[in-house]
């Protein structure tokens, strides 16, 4: 079975991605896309504590940076419009470098009912990087 969520995540994050992104920048951008995706899933499934936690962190950063706000808005709209039928929560997205130098993405997922609030470290790490500045 193909790794469908890896492909879906790349399509979802496409507005953020550039073909010349380094492995590290691609990882940061996909982590950010994963956070917004998971926020949308948490809201949809009424995972109140999780959605509140993510929403607070996103709101704090959007107040500081208009570009960040734009990215959050684009991804939220993208999820609602084009990816509404995908209901799983993304976890542990990883960018790997192949022997030929090309990059591949592995995105794992869990069903929303299996979610444990594990996004805090990912969110904190992402907000500290500030790639959108």
Protein backbone atom coordinates (compact mmCIF):
# COMPACT_ATOMS: atom_id res chain seq x y z
CA UNK A 1 0.00 0.00 0.00
CA UNK A 2 1.48 3.39 -0.96
CA UNK A 3 2.22 5.93 1.72
CA UNK A 4 -0.85 8.04 0.98
CA UNK A 5 -0.51 10.53 3.82
CA UNK A 6 3.03 11.47 2.77
CA UNK A 7 1.71 12.41 -0.65
CA UNK A 8 -1.32 14.15 0.85
CA UNK A 9 0.87 16.18 3.21
CA UNK A 10 3.12 17.30 0.35
CA UNK A 11 0.08 18.39 -1.66
CA UNK A 12 -1.42 20.13 1.37
CA UNK A 13 1.82 21.99 2.13
CA UNK A 14 2.47 22.90 -1.52
CA UNK A 15 1.74 26.64 -1.02
CA UNK A 16 4.72 26.78 1.37
CA UNK A 17 7.19 24.66 -0.55
CA UNK A 18 9.91 25.60 -3.02
CA UNK A 19 11.81 23.11 -5.15
CA UNK A 20 15.13 24.36 -3.77
CA UNK A 21 14.20 23.95 -0.09
CA UNK A 22 16.95 22.21 1.85
CA UNK A 23 16.15 19.07 3.82
CA UNK A 24 16.05 21.13 7.02
CA UNK A 25 13.75 23.83 5.62
CA UNK A 26 11.47 21.22 4.05
CA UNK A 27 11.26 19.48 7.44
CA UNK A 28 10.33 22.76 9.18
CA UNK A 29 7.69 23.62 6.60
CA UNK A 30 6.16 20.15 6.74
CA UNK A 31 6.16 20.28 10.54
CA UNK A 32 4.29 23.57 10.32
CA UNK A 33 1.81 22.11 7.82
CA UNK A 34 1.37 19.12 10.13
CA UNK A 35 0.53 21.45 13.04
CA UNK A 36 -2.11 23.32 11.02
CA UNK A 37 -3.53 20.03 9.67
CA UNK A 38 -3.76 18.62 13.19
CA UNK A 39 -5.37 21.79 14.45
CA UNK A 40 -8.08 21.39 11.80
CA UNK A 41 -8.59 17.73 12.77
CA UNK A 42 -8.68 18.60 16.48
CA UNK A 43 -11.33 21.27 15.84
CA UNK A 44 -13.40 18.94 13.67
CA UNK A 45 -13.38 16.16 16.26
CA UNK A 46 -13.85 18.60 19.15
CA UNK A 47 -10.58 17.67 20.84
CA UNK A 48 -10.89 20.80 22.92
CA UNK A 49 -7.69 20.75 24.95
CA UNK A 50 -5.54 19.93 21.94
CA UNK A 51 -7.18 22.44 19.60
CA UNK A 52 -7.04 25.13 22.30
CA UNK A 53 -3.33 24.51 22.87
CA UNK A 54 -2.47 24.67 19.17
CA UNK A 55 -4.79 27.62 18.56
CA UNK A 56 -3.20 29.67 21.36
CA UNK A 57 0.29 29.09 20.02
CA UNK A 58 -0.74 29.92 16.46
CA UNK A 59 -2.61 33.05 17.57
CA UNK A 60 0.35 34.33 19.56
CA UNK A 61 2.59 34.05 16.52
CA UNK A 62 0.05 35.45 14.04
CA UNK A 63 -0.23 38.60 16.14
CA UNK A 64 3.51 39.10 15.73
CA UNK A 65 3.87 38.25 12.07
CA UNK A 66 1.53 38.88 9.13
CA UNK A 67 3.32 36.40 6.87
CA UNK A 68 2.78 33.65 9.45
CA UNK A 69 -0.91 34.59 9.61
CA UNK A 70 -1.12 34.32 5.82
CA UNK A 71 0.41 30.82 5.83
CA UNK A 72 -1.94 29.64 8.60
CA UNK A 73 -4.97 31.02 6.74
CA UNK A 74 -3.96 29.47 3.42
CA UNK A 75 -3.42 26.05 4.96
CA UNK A 76 -6.66 26.13 6.96
CA UNK A 77 -8.59 27.01 3.81
CA UNK A 78 -6.69 24.34 1.87
CA UNK A 79 -7.67 21.69 4.43
CA UNK A 80 -11.31 22.71 4.41
CA UNK A 81 -11.61 23.00 0.63
CA UNK A 82 -9.38 20.28 -0.81
CA UNK A 83 -8.54 17.84 1.98
CA UNK A 84 -11.79 17.64 3.94
CA UNK A 85 -12.23 13.91 3.40
CA UNK A 86 -8.95 13.00 5.12
CA UNK A 87 -9.64 12.63 8.84
CA UNK A 88 -6.47 11.22 10.35
CA UNK A 89 -4.07 13.04 12.63
CA UNK A 90 -0.51 13.34 11.32
CA UNK A 91 2.42 12.34 13.52
CA UNK A 92 6.18 12.10 13.11
CA UNK A 93 6.59 13.52 9.64
CA UNK A 94 10.14 12.90 8.53
CA UNK A 95 12.16 14.09 5.55
CA UNK A 96 14.80 11.60 4.47
CA UNK A 97 17.64 11.98 2.03
CA UNK A 98 18.05 9.15 -0.47
CA UNK A 99 21.49 7.92 -1.60
CA UNK A 100 21.05 9.85 -4.86
CA UNK A 101 20.56 13.09 -2.88
CA UNK A 102 16.84 13.43 -3.53
CA UNK A 103 14.44 13.85 -0.63
CA UNK A 104 11.52 11.70 0.40
CA UNK A 105 8.83 12.28 2.99
CA UNK A 106 7.32 9.81 5.42
CA UNK A 107 4.17 10.99 7.21
CA UNK A 108 2.63 8.68 9.75
CA UNK A 109 -0.90 9.03 11.01
CA UNK A 110 -3.25 7.92 13.74
CA UNK A 111 -7.00 7.99 13.98
CA UNK A 112 -8.24 10.98 16.01
CA UNK A 113 -9.53 8.76 18.79
CA UNK A 114 -5.96 7.54 19.37
CA UNK A 115 -4.48 11.00 19.76
CA UNK A 116 -2.40 11.70 22.83
CA UNK A 117 -1.39 15.30 23.26
CA UNK A 118 2.08 14.91 21.79
CA UNK A 119 2.24 17.98 19.56
CA UNK A 120 3.64 20.32 22.20
CA UNK A 121 7.32 19.66 21.48
CA UNK A 122 6.79 19.85 17.73
CA UNK A 123 4.88 23.11 18.08
CA UNK A 124 7.44 24.63 20.44
CA UNK A 125 10.36 23.63 18.18
CA UNK A 126 8.61 25.04 15.15
CA UNK A 127 7.77 28.38 16.75
CA UNK A 128 11.37 28.80 17.85
CA UNK A 129 12.67 28.48 14.27
CA UNK A 130 10.67 31.34 12.71
CA UNK A 131 11.34 30.30 9.08
CA UNK A 132 8.60 32.68 7.83
CA UNK A 133 10.41 35.83 9.01
